[in-house]
Amino acid sequence: MEFRAKPLEISEEDPFKNDVMNRKPVIEGLTTLTSKINTPFVMAVNAPWGTGKTTFIEMWQKHLSKEGHPSVYLNAWKTDYSKEPLIAFISELEELSKKLKLKGDKLQKAVNLVKKSGMALIKHAVPAAVKLGTGGILDLGKAIEDTVSTSAEKAAEEFFKSISMEKEAGEKFRENLRIISETVIAKSSESGSPKRFYFFIDELDRCRPDYAVFALERLKHYFNVEGIIFVIAIDKDQLGSSLKAIYGEGLNAREYLRRFIDLEVNLPWDAKSLTKSLMGRFGVNDFFANRMHPELKEEEVLLVRCFEELFQYFKVPPRVQEQCFTRAAIAMAMTKENFKLQPLLLTALIVFREIFPDPYKQFALNDHTANMLMKEIYKSCPKKDFFENRTILIIEAYLALSKTNRAEIGNDLVTYDSVVNSQTASKSDKDRAGEIAKIIRELANQWGGRPSLKSVIEKIEFAHSFT
């Protein structure tokens, strides 16, 4: 058994071999669509943090490689220590030309001129404070005013000169980038149908706000060259927060991003499919294979089912699902071979600890009841079917029973029986309370008492001490 998921292998020969999220139809569709585009184009792959954008991009890039389309990949977050994203962009272009073993005086000259004009752009760019302070629209009067010191006329002259040189460098940059793009595409198209040149930019939403803004501005102004398809993987809400950190809370971030993005794809994901994959990647099956006692045979099924249902119901992102499995793996390692794991309690409390930490702590470490826990969770996640959901109902019954001793079970049932006998409670509330009371009685008779909540919580808290 592993305490960290084995990396998902994405092979060059079969990129979709481990495609547990069923990305293949989406990637093939996007490839068909973008391969027909001739104009400069920017696509955004939008999904929340931890939902598999990087894996999606890696699969797509390897699929493109099989189809003969050249591509480069840039992790923007790994380069945001630099003040200028253009440096990273140019570096990736140079690496691609080496990888494809492209030769020729014209190409080499173009590569050198892209580097040279790129450096000129960086050197002569209008000061960042001016651009960011004006939303990218230059107020020349204010810019000159801001640069005034003891020699206002000289400062203004230098400012206009800088604008002119930046414009000239930008034109040279685009022209030579076009030569590189045409050469790369021609080389890749020699053996078949026309190809496109893809440039993937990942983790832009995790970058410093100013770096993320500069990257978008550079794409818009200097990389709008035919044949290049830019794909940026983002969490649009997070990127919007970065933009507001620069331009102020009044910015309409979604409208601002429309200036840069031609098409947006919202990346779907399926929680249940990922759960099955994580079971294998963590080697959970190995743990249950050694548990031979008859009463423990159903534990693996319960653990999988509960994780699947909770992940799906609460839309738990893949990265958080991995964290939950890490906690579960540590708890399993602390459980003796023929001792009960209490999989339903364990999985429910692990998930609640991750996504509803405050209600969890009030229940696990303080005196809140199971019913109080569920009501607090509902406040954070007010789904219409929350109190009717069968999984939630069963979990509440287990949690209620786990927090009482045998002598107190009758008292605990009073809470639910009183609702059943109430003259004012709704029919749905009565049905729910009656079902929970029924489960509590059945479990109490079956177990002769209560599951060990204290032991489960100790394991979960121990697992969290590692992070």
Protein backbone atom coordinates (compact mmCIF):
# COMPACT_ATOMS: atom_id res chain seq x y z
CA MET A 1 0.00 0.00 0.00
CA GLU A 2 1.18 3.50 -0.85
CA PHE A 3 0.87 6.74 1.13
CA ARG A 4 1.04 8.79 -2.03
CA ALA A 5 -0.65 8.01 -5.33
CA LYS A 6 1.62 6.59 -7.98
CA PRO A 7 1.97 9.14 -10.81
CA LEU A 8 -0.52 8.59 -13.61
CA GLU A 9 1.48 7.25 -16.52
CA ILE A 10 0.74 8.94 -19.85
CA SER A 11 2.64 7.10 -22.53
CA GLU A 12 3.76 8.40 -25.91
CA GLU A 13 2.37 5.30 -27.64
CA ASP A 14 -1.08 5.36 -26.02
CA PRO A 15 -1.82 8.66 -24.21
CA PHE A 16 -5.30 7.47 -23.21
CA LYS A 17 -4.32 4.11 -21.72
CA ASN A 18 -5.01 5.39 -18.18
CA ASP A 19 -7.73 7.84 -19.14
CA VAL A 20 -9.91 7.32 -16.06
CA MET A 21 -11.62 10.70 -16.54
CA ASN A 22 -12.67 9.91 -20.14
CA ARG A 23 -10.75 12.83 -21.63
CA LYS A 24 -10.21 11.16 -25.00
CA PRO A 25 -13.42 12.39 -26.73
CA VAL A 26 -12.78 15.96 -25.57
CA ILE A 27 -9.14 15.95 -26.70
CA GLU A 28 -9.90 14.39 -30.07
CA GLY A 29 -12.71 16.89 -30.63
CA LEU A 30 -10.53 19.86 -29.73
CA THR A 31 -7.74 18.59 -31.98
CA THR A 32 -10.13 18.32 -34.93
CA LEU A 33 -11.51 21.79 -34.23
CA THR A 34 -8.20 23.60 -33.77
CA SER A 35 -6.50 21.88 -36.72
CA LYS A 36 -8.92 23.74 -39.00
CA ILE A 37 -8.07 27.17 -37.59
CA ASN A 38 -5.70 29.35 -39.61
CA THR A 39 -5.92 32.63 -37.74
CA PRO A 40 -4.08 33.43 -34.47
CA PHE A 41 -6.03 31.67 -31.75
CA VAL A 42 -6.09 31.45 -27.95
CA MET A 43 -8.08 28.75 -26.16
CA ALA A 44 -8.60 28.56 -22.40
CA VAL A 45 -9.11 25.23 -20.64
CA ASN A 46 -11.00 26.27 -17.52
CA ALA A 47 -11.47 24.14 -14.41
CA PRO A 48 -11.09 24.62 -10.63
CA TRP A 49 -7.83 23.95 -8.84
CA GLY A 50 -6.94 20.28 -8.53
CA THR A 51 -9.34 18.95 -11.18
CA GLY A 52 -6.74 17.53 -13.54
CA LYS A 53 -5.91 20.36 -15.97
CA THR A 54 -2.21 19.50 -16.09
CA THR A 55 -2.95 15.82 -16.78
CA PHE A 56 -5.39 16.89 -19.51
CA ILE A 57 -2.74 19.09 -21.14
CA GLU A 58 -0.13 16.33 -20.97
CA MET A 59 -2.52 13.85 -22.60
CA TRP A 60 -3.43 16.35 -25.30
CA GLN A 61 0.20 17.20 -26.03
CA LYS A 62 1.14 13.54 -26.43
CA HIS A 63 -1.90 12.91 -28.61
CA LEU A 64 -0.83 15.83 -30.80
CA SER A 65 2.65 14.35 -31.05
CA LYS A 66 1.17 11.10 -32.35
CA GLU A 67 -0.83 13.11 -34.90
CA GLY A 68 2.32 14.94 -36.03
CA HIS A 69 1.46 18.38 -34.61
CA PRO A 70 4.44 20.19 -33.04
CA SER A 71 3.92 21.67 -29.58
CA VAL A 72 5.69 23.21 -26.61
CA TYR A 73 4.69 23.23 -22.94
CA LEU A 74 5.41 25.97 -20.44
CA ASN A 75 4.64 25.76 -16.72
CA ALA A 76 4.23 29.47 -16.05
CA TRP A 77 4.30 29.01 -12.28
CA LYS A 78 7.83 27.61 -12.46
CA THR A 79 9.06 30.72 -14.26
CA ASP A 80 7.25 33.50 -12.38
CA TYR A 81 10.36 34.24 -10.33
CA SER A 82 11.32 36.24 -13.42
CA LYS A 83 9.88 39.69 -14.01
CA GLU A 84 9.30 39.05 -17.70
CA PRO A 85 7.30 36.06 -19.13
CA LEU A 86 8.59 36.81 -22.61
CA ILE A 87 11.94 35.27 -21.65
CA ALA A 88 10.30 31.91 -20.89
CA PHE A 89 8.24 32.04 -24.11
CA ILE A 90 11.31 32.63 -26.26
CA SER A 91 13.28 29.90 -24.47
CA GLU A 92 10.58 27.31 -25.27
CA LEU A 93 10.57 28.31 -28.95
CA GLU A 94 14.34 27.88 -29.12
CA GLU A 95 14.11 24.44 -27.48
CA LEU A 96 11.50 23.32 -30.01
CA SER A 97 13.67 24.29 -32.97
CA LYS A 98 16.48 22.19 -31.47
CA LYS A 99 14.15 19.25 -30.79
CA LEU A 100 12.87 19.21 -34.37
CA LYS A 101 16.44 19.60 -35.63
CA LEU A 102 15.42 22.48 -37.82
CA LYS A 103 18.21 23.95 -39.89
CA GLY A 104 18.71 26.73 -42.39
CA ASP A 105 20.22 30.17 -42.44
CA LYS A 106 16.82 31.86 -42.66
CA LEU A 107 15.46 29.97 -39.66
CA GLN A 108 18.53 30.49 -37.53
CA LYS A 109 18.45 34.16 -38.37
CA ALA A 110 14.77 34.31 -37.40
CA VAL A 111 15.45 32.57 -34.07
CA ASN A 112 18.27 34.99 -33.30
CA LEU A 113 16.14 37.99 -34.28
CA VAL A 114 13.24 36.81 -32.12
CA LYS A 115 15.63 36.66 -29.18
CA LYS A 116 17.14 40.03 -30.04
CA SER A 117 13.84 41.81 -30.65
CA GLY A 118 12.39 40.13 -27.58
CA MET A 119 15.17 41.54 -25.44
CA ALA A 120 14.56 44.94 -27.06
CA LEU A 121 10.88 44.68 -26.13
CA ILE A 122 11.81 44.01 -22.54
CA LYS A 123 14.32 46.85 -22.46
CA HIS A 124 12.12 49.47 -24.09
CA ALA A 125 8.75 48.44 -22.74
CA VAL A 126 6.72 51.26 -21.23
CA PRO A 127 7.18 51.07 -17.44
CA ALA A 128 5.00 48.44 -15.82
CA ALA A 129 3.56 50.89 -13.33
CA VAL A 130 2.20 52.99 -16.19
CA LYS A 131 0.52 50.05 -17.96
CA LEU A 132 -0.90 48.44 -14.86
CA GLY A 133 -2.06 51.73 -13.44
CA THR A 134 -4.02 52.56 -16.59
CA GLY A 135 -5.54 49.16 -17.30
CA GLY A 136 -3.23 48.73 -20.28
CA ILE A 137 -4.44 51.98 -21.92
CA LEU A 138 -1.74 54.61 -21.97
CA ASP A 139 -2.55 58.04 -20.63
CA LEU A 140 0.46 59.80 -22.15
CA GLY A 141 -0.08 63.02 -20.23
CA LYS A 142 -0.07 61.21 -16.89
CA ALA A 143 2.82 58.98 -17.93
CA ILE A 144 4.95 62.00 -18.78
CA GLU A 145 3.86 63.72 -15.60
CA ASP A 146 4.86 60.67 -13.55
CA THR A 147 8.31 60.56 -15.08
CA VAL A 148 8.99 64.25 -14.49
CA SER A 149 11.89 64.94 -12.19
CA THR A 150 14.25 67.87 -12.63
CA SER A 151 14.18 67.61 -16.42
CA ALA A 152 10.58 67.25 -17.60
CA GLU A 153 11.31 67.80 -21.27
CA LYS A 154 14.04 65.17 -21.40
CA ALA A 155 11.85 62.67 -19.53
CA ALA A 156 9.01 63.16 -22.01
CA GLU A 157 11.38 62.74 -24.95
CA GLU A 158 12.75 59.51 -23.53
CA PHE A 159 9.23 58.26 -22.92
CA PHE A 160 8.10 58.78 -26.52
CA LYS A 161 11.33 57.26 -27.78
CA SER A 162 10.71 54.20 -25.65
CA ILE A 163 7.23 53.80 -27.15
CA SER A 164 8.59 54.05 -30.68
CA MET A 165 11.36 51.53 -30.06
CA GLU A 166 8.95 49.11 -28.40
CA LYS A 167 6.64 49.31 -31.42
CA GLU A 168 9.52 48.65 -33.83
CA ALA A 169 10.81 45.73 -31.74
CA GLY A 170 7.29 44.28 -31.58
CA GLU A 171 6.94 44.32 -35.37
CA LYS A 172 10.31 42.61 -35.81
CA PHE A 173 9.42 40.05 -33.17
CA ARG A 174 6.13 39.10 -34.85
CA GLU A 175 7.68 38.92 -38.31
CA ASN A 176 10.44 36.55 -37.22
CA LEU A 177 8.06 34.54 -35.06
CA ARG A 178 5.97 34.05 -38.21
CA ILE A 179 9.05 32.67 -40.01
CA ILE A 180 9.70 30.23 -37.14
CA SER A 181 6.06 29.15 -37.08
CA GLU A 182 5.93 28.58 -40.84
CA THR A 183 9.17 26.57 -40.75
CA VAL A 184 8.02 24.41 -37.83
CA ILE A 185 4.64 23.73 -39.48
CA ALA A 186 6.19 22.99 -42.88
CA LYS A 187 8.63 20.52 -41.33
CA SER A 188 5.83 18.75 -39.44
CA SER A 189 3.55 18.65 -42.50
CA GLU A 190 6.07 16.95 -44.81
CA SER A 191 4.69 13.46 -44.26
CA GLY A 192 0.96 14.15 -44.39
CA SER A 193 -1.86 16.62 -43.84
CA PRO A 194 -1.24 20.23 -42.82
CA LYS A 195 -0.36 20.66 -39.14
CA ARG A 196 -0.75 23.36 -36.53
CA PHE A 197 1.73 24.61 -33.96
CA TYR A 198 0.46 24.39 -30.36
CA PHE A 199 1.82 26.37 -27.42
CA PHE A 200 0.53 25.18 -24.02
CA ILE A 201 0.75 27.45 -20.98
CA ASP A 202 -0.11 25.81 -17.67
CA GLU A 203 -0.56 27.06 -14.08
CA LEU A 204 -0.99 30.71 -15.10
CA ASP A 205 -3.58 31.19 -12.36
CA ARG A 206 -1.00 30.23 -9.70
CA CYS A 207 1.48 32.92 -10.78
CA ARG A 208 2.12 36.28 -9.20
CA PRO A 209 -0.71 38.61 -10.27
CA ASP A 210 1.59 40.98 -12.18
CA TYR A 211 3.32 38.08 -13.97
CA ALA A 212 -0.02 36.58 -15.03
CA VAL A 213 -1.17 39.93 -16.42
CA PHE A 214 2.09 40.47 -18.31
CA ALA A 215 1.87 36.97 -19.79
CA LEU A 216 -1.62 37.65 -21.15
CA GLU A 217 -0.55 41.03 -22.51
CA ARG A 218 2.47 39.50 -24.24
CA LEU A 219 0.31 36.85 -25.86
CA LYS A 220 -2.14 39.42 -27.17
CA HIS A 221 0.36 41.91 -28.55
CA TYR A 222 3.30 39.84 -29.77
CA PHE A 223 2.21 36.24 -30.42
CA ASN A 224 -0.82 36.86 -32.64
CA VAL A 225 0.74 34.94 -35.52
CA GLU A 226 -1.11 32.67 -37.95
CA GLY A 227 -0.68 28.95 -37.38
CA ILE A 228 0.02 29.14 -33.64
CA ILE A 229 -2.68 27.79 -31.33
CA PHE A 230 -2.22 28.92 -27.74
CA VAL A 231 -3.85 26.82 -25.04
CA ILE A 232 -3.83 28.23 -21.52
CA ALA A 233 -4.95 26.08 -18.59
CA ILE A 234 -6.59 28.25 -15.95
CA ASP A 235 -8.95 28.44 -13.03
CA LYS A 236 -10.80 31.49 -14.29
CA ASP A 237 -12.09 32.51 -10.88
CA GLN A 238 -8.59 32.38 -9.39
CA LEU A 239 -7.11 34.25 -12.35
CA GLY A 240 -9.86 36.82 -11.96
CA SER A 241 -8.75 37.38 -8.37
CA SER A 242 -5.20 37.98 -9.62
CA LEU A 243 -6.45 40.54 -12.12
CA LYS A 244 -8.41 42.38 -9.44
CA ALA A 245 -5.28 42.50 -7.28
CA ILE A 246 -3.73 44.57 -10.08
CA TYR A 247 -6.65 46.60 -11.43
CA GLY A 248 -8.91 46.81 -8.38
CA GLU A 249 -12.06 45.07 -7.15
CA GLY A 250 -14.21 47.01 -9.60
CA LEU A 251 -12.72 45.16 -12.57
CA ASN A 252 -15.07 42.88 -14.53
CA ALA A 253 -12.55 40.05 -14.76
CA ARG A 254 -14.60 37.89 -17.11
CA GLU A 255 -14.98 40.70 -19.63
CA TYR A 256 -11.30 41.57 -19.30
CA LEU A 257 -10.31 37.98 -20.13
CA ARG A 258 -12.44 38.06 -23.27
CA ARG A 259 -9.81 40.40 -24.74
CA PHE A 260 -7.32 37.53 -24.75
CA ILE A 261 -9.35 34.34 -25.10
CA ASP A 262 -11.09 33.33 -28.33
CA LEU A 263 -12.69 30.14 -27.03
CA GLU A 264 -13.17 28.73 -23.53
CA VAL A 265 -13.58 25.04 -22.72
CA ASN A 266 -14.93 24.07 -19.31
CA LEU A 267 -13.26 20.82 -18.35
CA PRO A 268 -15.65 18.17 -16.98
CA TRP A 269 -14.59 15.51 -14.48
CA ASP A 270 -16.16 12.46 -12.88
CA ALA A 271 -15.54 11.74 -9.19
CA LYS A 272 -16.56 8.09 -9.25
CA SER A 273 -14.20 7.18 -12.10
CA LEU A 274 -11.30 8.78 -10.28
CA THR A 275 -12.05 6.88 -7.06
CA LYS A 276 -11.54 3.53 -8.80
CA SER A 277 -8.26 4.76 -10.24
CA LEU A 278 -7.02 5.99 -6.83
CA MET A 279 -7.81 2.61 -5.26
CA GLY A 280 -5.29 1.05 -7.62
CA ARG A 281 -2.72 3.84 -7.48
CA PHE A 282 -2.65 3.72 -3.67
CA GLY A 283 -2.61 -0.09 -3.59
CA VAL A 284 -5.63 -0.17 -1.26
CA ASN A 285 -6.60 -3.64 -2.53
CA ASP A 286 -3.41 -5.04 -0.97
CA PHE A 287 -4.58 -3.96 2.48
CA PHE A 288 -7.91 -5.74 2.20
CA ALA A 289 -6.43 -8.89 0.62
CA ASN A 290 -4.87 -9.82 3.99
CA ARG A 291 -8.03 -9.31 6.04
CA MET A 292 -9.57 -12.81 6.23
CA HIS A 293 -12.04 -12.51 9.11
CA PRO A 294 -15.63 -13.02 7.82
CA GLU A 295 -16.91 -9.82 9.45
CA LEU A 296 -14.35 -7.76 7.53
CA LYS A 297 -15.20 -8.98 4.02
CA GLU A 298 -17.53 -6.06 3.23
CA GLU A 299 -15.16 -3.33 4.39
CA GLU A 300 -13.52 -2.73 1.01
CA VAL A 301 -16.90 -2.39 -0.70
CA LEU A 302 -18.09 0.06 1.96
CA LEU A 303 -14.93 2.16 1.73
CA VAL A 304 -15.12 2.45 -2.06
CA ARG A 305 -18.85 3.12 -2.11
CA CYS A 306 -18.69 5.79 0.58
CA PHE A 307 -15.77 7.61 -1.02
CA GLU A 308 -17.50 7.46 -4.42
CA GLU A 309 -20.78 8.79 -3.10
CA LEU A 310 -19.26 11.61 -1.04
CA PHE A 311 -16.78 12.68 -3.74
CA GLN A 312 -19.55 12.77 -6.31
CA TYR A 313 -22.15 14.45 -4.10
CA PHE A 314 -19.86 17.21 -2.81
CA LYS A 315 -17.93 17.53 -6.11
CA VAL A 316 -14.60 16.98 -4.37
CA PRO A 317 -11.72 17.97 -6.72
CA PRO A 318 -9.27 15.21 -7.78
CA ARG A 319 -6.35 16.69 -5.84
CA VAL A 320 -8.42 16.74 -2.65
CA GLN A 321 -9.55 13.17 -3.37
CA GLU A 322 -5.89 12.16 -3.43
CA GLN A 323 -5.38 13.86 -0.07
CA CYS A 324 -8.34 11.91 1.33
CA PHE A 325 -6.84 8.63 0.11
CA THR A 326 -3.51 9.55 1.71
CA ARG A 327 -5.29 10.01 5.06
CA ALA A 328 -7.12 6.72 4.58
CA ALA A 329 -3.90 4.87 3.72
CA ILE A 330 -2.24 6.10 6.92
CA ALA A 331 -5.30 5.07 8.95
CA MET A 332 -5.21 1.61 7.36
CA ALA A 333 -1.53 1.24 8.19
CA MET A 334 -2.43 1.93 11.85
CA THR A 335 -5.18 -0.72 11.86
CA LYS A 336 -4.23 -4.25 12.91
CA GLU A 337 -4.93 -7.01 10.41
CA ASN A 338 -8.11 -8.40 11.96
CA PHE A 339 -9.41 -5.28 13.71
CA LYS A 340 -12.37 -3.36 12.32
CA LEU A 341 -11.46 -0.42 10.10
CA GLN A 342 -14.92 1.21 10.40
CA PRO A 343 -14.77 2.25 6.71
CA LEU A 344 -17.99 4.27 6.67
CA LEU A 345 -17.01 6.36 9.68
CA LEU A 346 -13.45 6.69 8.44
CA THR A 347 -14.28 7.84 4.91
CA ALA A 348 -17.05 10.22 6.00
CA LEU A 349 -14.93 11.92 8.64
CA ILE A 350 -11.88 12.10 6.37
CA VAL A 351 -13.93 13.87 3.69
CA PHE A 352 -15.60 16.18 6.22
CA ARG A 353 -12.19 16.97 7.76
CA GLU A 354 -10.93 18.09 4.33
CA ILE A 355 -13.87 20.09 3.02
CA PHE A 356 -15.82 21.08 6.15
CA PRO A 357 -13.06 21.43 8.78
CA ASP A 358 -14.93 23.62 11.29
CA PRO A 359 -18.11 21.47 11.56
CA TYR A 360 -15.87 18.39 11.71
CA LYS A 361 -13.89 19.77 14.64
CA GLN A 362 -17.04 20.74 16.52
CA PHE A 363 -18.25 17.16 16.22
CA ALA A 364 -15.02 15.20 16.54
CA LEU A 365 -13.21 17.27 19.13
CA ASN A 366 -16.09 19.04 20.91
CA ASP A 367 -19.64 18.22 21.96
CA HIS A 368 -21.70 18.69 18.78
CA THR A 369 -24.07 15.84 17.91
CA ALA A 370 -24.30 14.10 14.53
CA ASN A 371 -27.48 16.03 13.75
CA MET A 372 -25.76 19.34 14.57
CA LEU A 373 -22.82 18.35 12.33
CA MET A 374 -25.12 17.67 9.39
CA LYS A 375 -26.96 20.95 9.85
CA GLU A 376 -23.64 22.86 9.87
CA ILE A 377 -22.52 21.06 6.71
CA TYR A 378 -25.84 21.93 5.07
CA LYS A 379 -25.18 25.63 5.76
CA SER A 380 -21.92 25.33 3.82
CA CYS A 381 -23.44 23.20 1.08
CA PRO A 382 -27.20 23.91 0.89
CA LYS A 383 -28.22 21.27 -1.64
CA LYS A 384 -31.95 20.76 -2.09
CA ASP A 385 -31.75 17.00 -1.60
CA PHE A 386 -29.25 17.10 1.27
CA PHE A 387 -31.55 15.83 4.00
CA GLU A 388 -33.16 13.28 1.69
CA ASN A 389 -29.89 11.84 0.38
CA ARG A 390 -29.60 8.18 1.42
CA THR A 391 -25.82 8.24 1.93
CA ILE A 392 -26.02 11.36 4.14
CA LEU A 393 -28.82 9.75 6.13
CA ILE A 394 -26.86 6.55 6.79
CA ILE A 395 -23.73 8.50 7.73
CA GLU A 396 -25.69 10.54 10.26
CA ALA A 397 -27.00 7.33 11.85
CA TYR A 398 -23.49 5.88 12.12
CA LEU A 399 -22.13 9.11 13.54
CA ALA A 400 -24.97 9.41 16.05
CA LEU A 401 -24.39 5.88 17.27
CA SER A 402 -20.62 6.31 17.39
CA LYS A 403 -20.85 9.22 19.81
CA THR A 404 -22.90 7.42 22.45
CA ASN A 405 -22.20 4.51 24.77
CA ARG A 406 -24.57 1.59 25.15
CA ALA A 407 -26.34 3.15 28.14
CA GLU A 408 -26.94 6.38 26.22
CA ILE A 409 -28.31 4.88 23.00
CA GLY A 410 -31.87 5.24 24.26
CA ASN A 411 -31.28 8.92 25.03
CA ASP A 412 -29.78 9.46 21.59
CA LEU A 413 -32.85 7.93 19.95
CA VAL A 414 -35.09 10.41 21.77
CA THR A 415 -33.84 13.16 19.42
CA TYR A 416 -35.13 11.31 16.37
CA ASP A 417 -38.20 9.68 17.98
CA SER A 418 -39.40 13.10 19.12
CA VAL A 419 -39.40 14.29 15.52
CA VAL A 420 -41.34 11.20 14.44
CA ASN A 421 -44.00 11.88 17.10
CA SER A 422 -44.08 15.64 16.55
CA GLN A 423 -47.36 17.30 15.58
CA THR A 424 -45.59 20.10 13.69
CA ALA A 425 -42.78 18.32 11.82
CA SER A 426 -43.19 17.80 8.08
CA LYS A 427 -43.73 14.34 6.62
CA SER A 428 -40.25 14.34 5.04
CA ASP A 429 -38.64 15.26 8.40
CA LYS A 430 -40.60 12.51 10.15
CA ASP A 431 -39.64 9.92 7.53
CA ARG A 432 -35.99 10.88 7.75
CA ALA A 433 -35.88 10.82 11.57
CA GLY A 434 -37.68 7.47 11.60
CA GLU A 435 -35.21 5.95 9.14
CA ILE A 436 -32.21 7.17 11.14
CA ALA A 437 -33.70 5.81 14.38
CA LYS A 438 -34.31 2.47 12.67
CA ILE A 439 -30.67 2.26 11.46
CA ILE A 440 -29.34 3.19 14.92
CA ARG A 441 -31.37 0.40 16.56
CA GLU A 442 -30.27 -2.16 13.96
CA LEU A 443 -26.61 -1.22 14.32
CA ALA A 444 -26.81 -1.23 18.12
CA ASN A 445 -28.22 -4.76 18.09
CA GLN A 446 -25.75 -5.91 15.45
CA TRP A 447 -22.65 -4.50 17.14
CA GLY A 448 -23.77 -4.80 20.74
CA GLY A 449 -22.80 -1.21 21.27
CA ARG A 450 -21.11 1.49 19.23
CA PRO A 451 -18.25 1.80 16.74
CA SER A 452 -15.04 3.27 18.11
CA LEU A 453 -15.25 6.92 17.13
CA LYS A 454 -12.29 7.82 19.35
CA SER A 455 -10.01 5.38 17.52
CA VAL A 456 -11.10 6.62 14.07
CA ILE A 457 -10.58 10.27 15.01
CA GLU A 458 -7.15 9.55 16.48
CA LYS A 459 -6.09 7.95 13.18
CA ILE A 460 -7.42 10.85 11.13
CA GLU A 461 -5.74 13.48 13.31
CA PHE A 462 -2.49 11.51 13.21
CA ALA A 463 -2.70 11.40 9.39
CA HIS A 464 -3.14 15.20 9.35
CA SER A 465 -0.04 15.71 11.46
CA PHE A 466 2.05 14.91 8.36
CA THR A 467 0.84 17.93 6.39
